Amino acid sequence: MITQVQKSVCIRNFVYRLVALIILCVAGLFPAQATEEDLKSLMQQEDYIKASLIVVSPGKEIYSAGGHIAMRMSCPIQSVDYVYEFDAAMDDSSSVVAHYLNRTLRGEYVRLYETVFIDNVRKENRQAEEYTLNLTPEQEVALWSNLDNAVDSKINYPFSPSENNCCSTILSMIELAVEDGLFSSPEVMSSLESSGRKSIEDFFCGSPFTGLLWNILLGREFDSPKQAVNLYYPKMIGHTLSLIKNPANGKFLVSSAKGNAMFSSGGYGAFAPHIMFLLVFIAACLLTIMNIKGKLRRSAQIFDCSLLTVNAAIGCVLWYMFCSSVFTEEVYVNYLMFVFTPLPIALMFIRKSNVRLWFAIILSAACAASLAGVAFVPQLQYYCLWLFVLTMLVRGLYYIYNVYKNNIILTLKTKEL
C-alpha cells in the first residue's frame, strides 16, 4: 500500500516537473524573440552607437608636431568602446624619420580599447579633445563595419605626412559611410578659405623650424586641388567638418569648432625662420658692399662657405629622397631640388677658378629662375624661404662680378707690361 502511494507520488512529481520544463522551454522562446526585436529597434536609435573623433595635441617628436586623430566607436548598452587609428606600421626598433627619407613608410589601421588609447595619450603628456559626429544609425553601423574590415584586412597602406596620414585616412572612412566625394565637392571647397600649406604655418607657430623642415620635405604633396582643402590636419577638423552638412539628416557633421587650446598659437618669437632669413640677407648685402670696397674678405669667405654648406645639406636630403623613391611605387619630386643641390660639397674642394665661375653662374641662374616663379612654388612662399634663395643669388652675382673685375684688371696690367 505504501509502495503504491510512493509510486503515484513519484509519477505525479515527474509529470509536474516535465510539464514545468516544457512550459519554461516554450516560454523561453518569447523573451529571446523579444530581445532580438529590441536589439533591432535599439540599433535604429541614435544613441545606440556613438561615433566621435578624438583629436590629440602635438607631441614632442618631429613627426607628431601636427597632432594626431583617431575614431572612437562605442556601444554603451553592450559596454563596447574601441578607438581606431591609422599609424605607422613598423616595429619598435625602426625609425619613422629613416623610413620617411627612404620613402618606405607604410601605415596600418589599429584597433585599441578606449582606455588603452587614453593611457597612451597621457603617457606622452598630450591633450585629447572629442568631437561627436552627427551621423544616422545606418551610417554609424556602416562606419564601424568599414573600420573593422580595415583592421582585420591587415593591409599596409602608403603613409605620408600630408596626403595619407592619420587624418586623411580616418576622414576617408567617414566619407565612405556618409557619401562618396562629400569632402571634395565644389561647395565644400569653396567654403574653405585656407589651403593645406597655410595650416602648416598656422599650427607650427610654436615650433617654426619644425614647420620649415616639413615645408621643405613635403615637396608637391599639397599641389592638387583636393589636398589644398584643410581635411588632412587634426587642428582643422573642427573648422572643416562644422561647415559640411550630412545629406542624410541635414545636420552639420560637427556641431562646433574647437581645438584652439590644444593647438595654441602664441605668435612667432625673435628667432623665427623668416626673421633669421631676413637677418642673413641683410648680412649678405652688407658683406657684399664691404667686399666691393675691398674689406672683410675673410668674413665673406666664411659666410659663403656656411651658406653653401647649408644649401648642400638640404640638397643632399632632397636628392637622396628622390633616388630612394625611384625603386618605390611613387617617385618623389620636389621643386626645391632644383634650388638646393649637393654640388657645393664637391665644388668646395675644387681650386680652379673657371669651374667655380661656371658653378656660380649656374647656381645664380637657378636661384633667379626660382625667384621669378616664386608665385608658383608654394615651398618658397612660406617662412620667407625665398629670402634664403635671394641671399644665395646676391653672393653668386658678387662672385661673378668679382671674377670678371679681376680678369679685367689682370688684362689691363698685362697690356701695360
Protein backbone atom coordinates (compact mmCIF):
# COMPACT_ATOMS: atom_id res chain seq x y z
CA MET A 1 0.00 0.00 0.00
CA ILE A 2 2.76 2.38 0.96
CA THR A 3 4.70 1.39 -2.10
CA GLN A 4 1.82 2.20 -4.44
CA VAL A 5 1.30 5.60 -2.77
CA GLN A 6 5.01 6.37 -3.15
CA LYS A 7 4.94 5.35 -6.80
CA SER A 8 1.95 7.56 -7.51
CA VAL A 9 3.64 10.50 -5.78
CA CYS A 10 6.81 10.00 -7.78
CA ILE A 11 4.88 9.76 -11.05
CA ARG A 12 2.91 12.89 -10.17
CA ASN A 13 6.10 14.82 -9.31
CA PHE A 14 7.72 13.66 -12.51
CA VAL A 15 4.73 14.79 -14.56
CA TYR A 16 4.69 18.16 -12.77
CA ARG A 17 8.40 18.68 -13.46
CA LEU A 18 8.05 17.60 -17.06
CA VAL A 19 5.16 20.00 -17.60
CA ALA A 20 7.07 22.80 -15.85
CA LEU A 21 10.12 22.11 -18.02
CA ILE A 22 8.02 22.20 -21.19
CA ILE A 23 6.40 25.47 -20.05
CA LEU A 24 9.80 27.01 -19.31
CA CYS A 25 11.19 25.92 -22.66
CA VAL A 26 8.21 27.27 -24.57
CA ALA A 27 8.12 30.45 -22.52
CA GLY A 28 11.85 30.92 -23.06
CA LEU A 29 11.28 31.38 -26.75
CA PHE A 30 9.28 34.56 -26.26
CA PRO A 31 11.91 36.51 -24.31
CA ALA A 32 14.51 35.51 -26.93
CA GLN A 33 12.34 36.80 -29.73
CA ALA A 34 11.60 39.95 -27.78
CA THR A 35 15.31 40.55 -27.13
CA GLU A 36 16.15 40.22 -30.83
CA GLU A 37 13.42 42.64 -31.77
CA ASP A 38 14.55 45.02 -29.08
CA LEU A 39 18.09 44.80 -30.43
CA LYS A 40 16.97 45.71 -33.92
CA SER A 41 14.97 48.63 -32.63
CA LEU A 42 17.86 49.77 -30.47
CA MET A 43 20.18 49.83 -33.49
CA GLN A 44 17.80 52.29 -35.12
CA GLN A 45 18.06 54.65 -32.19
CA GLU A 46 20.56 57.48 -32.40
CA ASP A 47 22.17 56.78 -29.04
CA TYR A 48 22.79 53.05 -29.55
CA ILE A 49 26.11 53.58 -31.33
CA LYS A 50 28.19 56.67 -30.67
CA ALA A 51 30.76 57.81 -33.23
CA SER A 52 33.22 60.58 -32.42
CA LEU A 53 36.61 61.90 -33.45
CA ILE A 54 39.40 62.20 -30.90
CA VAL A 55 41.90 64.95 -31.71
CA VAL A 56 45.25 64.79 -29.90
CA SER A 57 47.57 67.74 -29.38
CA PRO A 58 51.08 67.84 -30.93
CA GLY A 59 53.78 65.68 -29.42
CA LYS A 60 57.49 66.17 -28.80
CA GLU A 61 58.62 64.03 -31.75
CA ILE A 62 59.09 65.82 -35.04
CA TYR A 63 56.62 63.54 -36.85
CA SER A 64 53.90 64.27 -34.26
CA ALA A 65 54.23 68.06 -34.38
CA GLY A 66 50.97 68.29 -36.35
CA GLY A 67 48.88 66.41 -33.79
CA HIS A 68 47.00 63.13 -34.16
CA ILE A 69 43.45 61.98 -34.80
CA ALA A 70 41.51 58.77 -34.15
CA MET A 71 37.95 57.49 -34.41
CA ARG A 72 36.04 56.34 -31.33
CA MET A 73 33.18 53.86 -31.78
CA SER A 74 31.21 52.85 -28.69
CA CYS A 75 28.05 50.96 -27.79
CA PRO A 76 27.16 51.78 -24.16
CA ILE A 77 24.40 49.15 -23.96
CA GLN A 78 26.84 46.36 -24.80
CA SER A 79 29.75 48.01 -22.93
CA VAL A 80 31.88 48.12 -26.08
CA ASP A 81 34.27 51.04 -26.54
CA TYR A 82 37.01 50.99 -29.21
CA VAL A 83 39.33 53.57 -30.74
CA TYR A 84 40.52 53.18 -34.34
CA GLU A 85 43.59 54.98 -35.65
CA PHE A 86 45.90 54.96 -38.64
CA ASP A 87 49.51 54.72 -37.56
CA ALA A 88 52.93 53.86 -38.95
CA ALA A 89 53.34 50.12 -39.50
CA MET A 90 56.75 49.21 -38.09
CA ASP A 91 58.44 47.62 -35.11
CA ASP A 92 59.90 49.46 -32.13
CA SER A 93 63.45 49.29 -33.47
CA SER A 94 62.58 51.18 -36.67
CA SER A 95 62.79 54.93 -37.14
CA VAL A 96 59.92 56.91 -38.60
CA VAL A 97 62.29 59.56 -39.97
CA ALA A 98 64.52 56.94 -41.64
CA HIS A 99 61.52 55.24 -43.28
CA TYR A 100 60.23 58.61 -44.48
CA LEU A 101 63.56 59.63 -46.00
CA ASN A 102 63.82 56.24 -47.71
CA ARG A 103 60.21 56.59 -48.97
CA THR A 104 59.33 53.22 -47.40
CA LEU A 105 56.98 54.49 -44.70
CA ARG A 106 53.78 52.44 -44.52
CA GLY A 107 50.68 52.74 -42.34
CA GLU A 108 48.02 50.41 -40.97
CA TYR A 109 44.68 50.66 -39.19
CA VAL A 110 44.82 49.79 -35.50
CA ARG A 111 42.01 48.98 -33.04
CA LEU A 112 42.54 49.72 -29.34
CA TYR A 113 40.40 49.80 -26.24
CA GLU A 114 39.45 53.35 -25.39
CA THR A 115 41.18 53.11 -22.00
CA VAL A 116 44.43 51.92 -23.62
CA PHE A 117 44.37 54.76 -26.16
CA ILE A 118 43.78 57.43 -23.50
CA ASP A 119 46.54 55.95 -21.32
CA ASN A 120 48.97 56.23 -24.25
CA VAL A 121 47.98 59.87 -24.74
CA ARG A 122 48.54 60.64 -21.07
CA LYS A 123 51.91 58.90 -21.01
CA GLU A 124 53.07 61.28 -23.75
CA ASN A 125 51.72 64.31 -21.81
CA ARG A 126 49.38 65.24 -24.64
CA GLN A 127 45.83 66.54 -24.56
CA ALA A 128 42.79 64.96 -26.20
CA GLU A 129 39.56 66.53 -27.39
CA GLU A 130 36.46 64.70 -28.62
CA TYR A 131 34.10 65.70 -31.43
CA THR A 132 30.75 63.90 -31.65
CA LEU A 133 29.71 63.11 -35.23
CA ASN A 134 26.11 63.73 -36.26
CA LEU A 135 25.53 60.52 -38.21
CA THR A 136 22.42 58.43 -38.78
CA PRO A 137 22.26 54.93 -37.22
CA GLU A 138 22.76 53.36 -40.64
CA GLN A 139 25.84 55.47 -41.25
CA GLU A 140 27.27 54.62 -37.83
CA VAL A 141 26.84 50.89 -38.49
CA ALA A 142 28.47 51.27 -41.93
CA LEU A 143 31.34 53.30 -40.45
CA TRP A 144 32.01 50.74 -37.72
CA SER A 145 31.92 47.91 -40.25
CA ASN A 146 34.36 49.71 -42.56
CA LEU A 147 36.79 50.32 -39.70
CA ASP A 148 36.66 46.70 -38.57
CA ASN A 149 37.23 45.47 -42.12
CA ALA A 150 40.23 47.80 -42.48
CA VAL A 151 41.77 46.48 -39.25
CA ASP A 152 41.04 42.82 -39.98
CA SER A 153 42.47 43.03 -43.50
CA LYS A 154 45.92 43.80 -42.02
CA ILE A 155 46.92 45.63 -45.17
CA ASN A 156 49.74 48.17 -45.13
CA TYR A 157 48.95 51.40 -46.96
CA PRO A 158 51.20 54.22 -48.17
CA PHE A 159 51.89 56.73 -45.40
CA SER A 160 52.95 60.35 -45.80
CA PRO A 161 52.72 63.40 -43.52
CA SER A 162 50.12 65.12 -45.68
CA GLU A 163 48.23 63.06 -48.24
CA ASN A 164 47.97 59.67 -46.49
CA ASN A 165 48.18 60.41 -42.78
CA CYS A 166 46.16 59.64 -39.67
CA CYS A 167 43.68 62.37 -40.51
CA SER A 168 43.03 61.76 -44.20
CA THR A 169 42.53 58.01 -43.81
CA ILE A 170 40.03 58.34 -40.96
CA LEU A 171 38.15 61.02 -42.88
CA SER A 172 38.01 58.78 -45.92
CA MET A 173 36.19 56.22 -43.77
CA ILE A 174 33.65 58.87 -42.76
CA GLU A 175 33.26 59.92 -46.38
CA LEU A 176 32.71 56.30 -47.42
CA ALA A 177 29.99 55.83 -44.79
CA VAL A 178 28.24 59.17 -45.42
CA GLU A 179 28.56 59.89 -49.11
CA ASP A 180 31.41 59.32 -51.52
CA GLY A 181 33.00 62.58 -52.69
CA LEU A 182 31.36 64.67 -49.97
CA PHE A 183 34.57 66.33 -48.76
CA SER A 184 35.88 67.12 -52.25
CA SER A 185 32.67 68.64 -53.62
CA PRO A 186 32.91 72.18 -55.08
CA GLU A 187 30.51 73.51 -52.42
CA VAL A 188 32.75 72.34 -49.60
CA MET A 189 35.96 73.52 -51.24
CA SER A 190 34.52 76.99 -51.88
CA SER A 191 33.54 77.28 -48.21
CA LEU A 192 37.12 76.80 -47.03
CA GLU A 193 39.45 79.75 -47.20
CA SER A 194 42.84 78.38 -46.15
CA SER A 195 44.97 75.89 -48.00
CA GLY A 196 46.82 72.94 -46.52
CA ARG A 197 50.14 74.77 -46.59
CA LYS A 198 48.71 77.73 -44.70
CA SER A 199 47.67 75.35 -41.96
CA ILE A 200 51.32 74.25 -41.69
CA GLU A 201 52.38 77.77 -40.86
CA ASP A 202 49.37 78.11 -38.56
CA PHE A 203 49.92 75.23 -36.17
CA PHE A 204 53.72 75.35 -36.38
CA CYS A 205 53.92 78.78 -34.77
CA GLY A 206 55.12 77.14 -31.57
CA SER A 207 57.85 75.18 -33.39
CA PRO A 208 58.54 77.13 -36.59
CA PHE A 209 61.77 75.37 -37.54
CA THR A 210 59.94 72.03 -37.44
CA GLY A 211 57.35 73.55 -39.74
CA LEU A 212 60.12 74.84 -42.00
CA LEU A 213 61.57 71.33 -42.20
CA TRP A 214 58.22 69.81 -43.20
CA ASN A 215 57.65 72.67 -45.63
CA ILE A 216 60.90 71.77 -47.40
CA LEU A 217 60.43 67.99 -47.33
CA LEU A 218 56.76 67.79 -48.32
CA GLY A 219 57.50 68.51 -51.95
CA ARG A 220 54.44 68.61 -54.18
CA GLU A 221 52.09 66.83 -51.79
CA PHE A 222 49.85 69.91 -51.42
CA ASP A 223 49.56 70.93 -55.04
CA SER A 224 46.43 69.08 -56.15
CA PRO A 225 43.05 70.78 -55.50
CA LYS A 226 41.82 68.15 -53.06
CA GLN A 227 44.98 68.35 -50.98
CA ALA A 228 44.51 72.10 -50.69
CA VAL A 229 41.41 71.52 -48.56
CA ASN A 230 42.07 71.52 -44.82
CA LEU A 231 40.89 67.97 -44.28
CA TYR A 232 44.27 66.46 -43.63
CA TYR A 233 45.27 68.07 -40.35
CA PRO A 234 43.81 67.40 -36.90
CA LYS A 235 43.57 71.06 -35.99
CA MET A 236 41.35 71.81 -38.96
CA ILE A 237 38.78 69.12 -38.19
CA GLY A 238 36.50 71.30 -36.10
CA HIS A 239 36.74 74.19 -38.54
CA THR A 240 36.18 71.97 -41.59
CA LEU A 241 33.54 69.46 -40.54
CA SER A 242 31.45 72.20 -38.95
CA LEU A 243 30.91 73.54 -42.49
CA ILE A 244 29.80 70.23 -44.01
CA LYS A 245 26.23 69.02 -43.73
CA ASN A 246 25.27 65.37 -43.55
CA PRO A 247 22.96 64.80 -46.56
CA ALA A 248 21.05 62.08 -44.67
CA ASN A 249 19.85 64.20 -41.72
CA GLY A 250 20.70 67.77 -42.73
CA LYS A 251 22.91 68.29 -39.66
CA PHE A 252 26.50 69.51 -39.65
CA LEU A 253 28.95 66.64 -39.14
CA VAL A 254 30.41 68.50 -36.14
CA SER A 255 28.31 70.89 -34.08
CA SER A 256 31.04 73.36 -33.12
CA ALA A 257 34.66 74.24 -33.83
CA LYS A 258 37.16 73.64 -31.03
CA GLY A 259 40.81 72.79 -30.74
CA ASN A 260 42.19 76.25 -30.03
CA ALA A 261 43.51 75.28 -26.60
CA MET A 262 45.40 72.22 -27.83
CA PHE A 263 46.92 73.98 -30.85
CA SER A 264 47.76 77.25 -29.20
CA SER A 265 49.35 79.89 -31.39
CA GLY A 266 51.25 82.48 -29.39
CA GLY A 267 52.86 84.09 -32.42
CA TYR A 268 56.42 83.82 -33.65
CA GLY A 269 59.42 84.52 -31.47
CA ALA A 270 62.53 86.55 -32.22
CA PHE A 271 64.25 83.56 -33.82
CA ALA A 272 61.52 82.53 -36.26
CA PRO A 273 62.81 81.27 -39.65
CA HIS A 274 61.65 84.26 -41.68
CA ILE A 275 63.33 86.66 -39.23
CA MET A 276 66.56 84.67 -39.39
CA PHE A 277 66.39 84.64 -43.20
CA LEU A 278 65.96 88.41 -43.19
CA LEU A 279 68.98 88.87 -40.91
CA VAL A 280 71.09 86.60 -43.10
CA PHE A 281 70.03 88.54 -46.20
CA ILE A 282 70.94 91.86 -44.58
CA ALA A 283 74.31 90.40 -43.56
CA ALA A 284 74.90 89.25 -47.14
CA CYS A 285 74.12 92.71 -48.51
CA LEU A 286 76.47 94.39 -46.02
CA LEU A 287 79.25 91.92 -46.75
CA THR A 288 78.80 92.43 -50.48
CA ILE A 289 79.10 96.20 -50.11
CA MET A 290 82.20 95.84 -47.94
CA ASN A 291 83.72 93.32 -50.37
CA ILE A 292 83.29 95.75 -53.26
CA LYS A 293 85.29 98.23 -51.21
CA GLY A 294 87.93 95.59 -50.62
CA LYS A 295 87.13 94.90 -46.95
CA LEU A 296 86.03 91.87 -44.87
CA ARG A 297 87.25 89.38 -47.45
CA ARG A 298 87.90 86.72 -44.81
CA SER A 299 84.48 87.15 -43.21
CA ALA A 300 82.85 86.89 -46.62
CA GLN A 301 84.62 83.59 -47.29
CA ILE A 302 83.35 82.13 -44.01
CA PHE A 303 79.85 83.42 -44.77
CA ASP A 304 79.82 81.93 -48.27
CA CYS A 305 81.16 78.61 -47.01
CA SER A 306 78.40 78.40 -44.39
CA LEU A 307 75.75 79.39 -46.93
CA LEU A 308 76.83 76.77 -49.47
CA THR A 309 77.13 74.10 -46.76
CA VAL A 310 73.52 74.63 -45.67
CA ASN A 311 72.43 74.61 -49.31
CA ALA A 312 74.32 71.37 -49.94
CA ALA A 313 72.99 69.69 -46.78
CA ILE A 314 69.37 70.40 -47.77
CA GLY A 315 70.12 69.31 -51.32
CA CYS A 316 71.63 66.01 -50.18
CA VAL A 317 68.47 65.14 -48.25
CA LEU A 318 66.13 66.07 -51.10
CA TRP A 319 68.13 64.24 -53.77
CA TYR A 320 68.58 61.22 -51.50
CA MET A 321 64.79 61.00 -51.12
CA PHE A 322 64.41 61.29 -54.88
CA CYS A 323 66.91 58.49 -55.56
CA SER A 324 65.31 56.27 -52.90
CA SER A 325 61.85 56.78 -54.38
CA VAL A 326 62.94 55.54 -57.83
CA PHE A 327 62.62 51.98 -56.53
CA THR A 328 59.22 52.57 -54.87
CA GLU A 329 55.66 52.92 -56.13
CA GLU A 330 55.71 56.73 -56.33
CA VAL A 331 58.65 58.86 -57.43
CA TYR A 332 59.39 61.73 -55.06
CA VAL A 333 59.75 65.07 -56.88
CA ASN A 334 60.33 68.34 -55.07
CA TYR A 335 60.58 71.78 -56.66
CA LEU A 336 63.33 72.73 -54.24
CA MET A 337 65.59 70.02 -55.70
CA PHE A 338 66.47 72.47 -58.45
CA VAL A 339 67.49 75.15 -55.93
CA PHE A 340 69.18 73.07 -53.26
CA THR A 341 71.76 70.67 -54.68
CA PRO A 342 74.62 68.60 -53.20
CA LEU A 343 77.08 70.05 -55.74
CA PRO A 344 78.69 72.60 -53.37
CA ILE A 345 80.16 69.78 -51.28
CA ALA A 346 82.29 68.67 -54.24
CA LEU A 347 82.99 72.12 -55.64
CA MET A 348 84.25 73.49 -52.34
CA PHE A 349 87.33 71.30 -52.80
CA ILE A 350 87.97 72.45 -56.38
CA ARG A 351 90.50 75.25 -56.70
CA LYS A 352 90.07 76.02 -60.39
CA SER A 353 88.53 79.45 -60.75
CA ASN A 354 86.88 78.65 -64.08
CA VAL A 355 84.96 75.71 -62.57
CA ARG A 356 83.88 77.84 -59.64
CA LEU A 357 82.83 80.60 -62.01
CA TRP A 358 80.61 78.35 -64.07
CA PHE A 359 79.10 76.89 -60.93
CA ALA A 360 78.36 80.39 -59.65
CA ILE A 361 76.69 81.23 -62.97
CA ILE A 362 74.57 78.06 -62.95
CA LEU A 363 73.62 78.45 -59.28
CA SER A 364 72.72 82.11 -59.77
CA ALA A 365 70.62 81.27 -62.82
CA ALA A 366 68.73 78.59 -60.86
CA CYS A 367 68.11 80.99 -57.98
CA ALA A 368 66.94 83.73 -60.35
CA ALA A 369 64.56 81.33 -62.10
CA SER A 370 63.18 80.17 -58.74
CA LEU A 371 62.57 83.72 -57.59
CA ALA A 372 60.91 84.59 -60.91
CA GLY A 373 58.45 81.74 -60.39
CA VAL A 374 58.02 82.12 -56.63
CA ALA A 375 54.25 82.57 -57.10
CA PHE A 376 54.10 79.02 -58.49
CA VAL A 377 56.38 77.42 -55.87
CA PRO A 378 54.47 77.19 -52.56
CA GLN A 379 57.52 75.98 -50.61
CA LEU A 380 59.35 79.27 -51.25
CA GLN A 381 56.42 81.41 -50.10
CA TYR A 382 56.11 80.19 -46.51
CA TYR A 383 58.59 81.22 -43.82
CA CYS A 384 60.07 83.56 -46.46
CA LEU A 385 62.32 80.82 -47.77
CA TRP A 386 62.74 82.94 -50.90
CA LEU A 387 64.94 85.25 -48.80
CA PHE A 388 67.45 82.43 -48.42
CA VAL A 389 67.43 81.90 -52.20
CA LEU A 390 67.80 85.66 -52.72
CA THR A 391 70.81 85.65 -50.39
CA MET A 392 72.48 82.94 -52.47
CA LEU A 393 71.70 84.94 -55.62
CA VAL A 394 73.32 88.08 -54.19
CA ARG A 395 76.50 86.25 -53.25
CA GLY A 396 76.57 84.38 -56.57
CA LEU A 397 76.27 87.60 -58.56
CA TYR A 398 79.01 89.20 -56.48
CA TYR A 399 81.33 86.25 -57.12
CA ILE A 400 80.69 86.55 -60.88
CA TYR A 401 81.27 90.31 -60.70
CA ASN A 402 84.47 89.85 -58.72
CA VAL A 403 85.91 87.28 -61.15
CA TYR A 404 85.24 89.45 -64.19
CA LYS A 405 86.59 92.51 -62.37
CA ASN A 406 89.82 90.69 -61.53
CA ASN A 407 90.13 89.44 -65.12
CA ILE A 408 89.74 92.98 -66.46
CA ILE A 409 92.36 94.30 -64.02
CA LEU A 410 94.69 91.45 -64.94
CA THR A 411 94.20 92.14 -68.65
CA LEU A 412 94.97 95.84 -68.19
CA LYS A 413 98.13 95.08 -66.24
CA THR A 414 99.22 92.65 -68.94
CA LYS A 415 98.76 95.28 -71.65
CA GLU A 416 100.74 97.83 -69.64
CA LEU A 417 103.64 95.41 -69.39
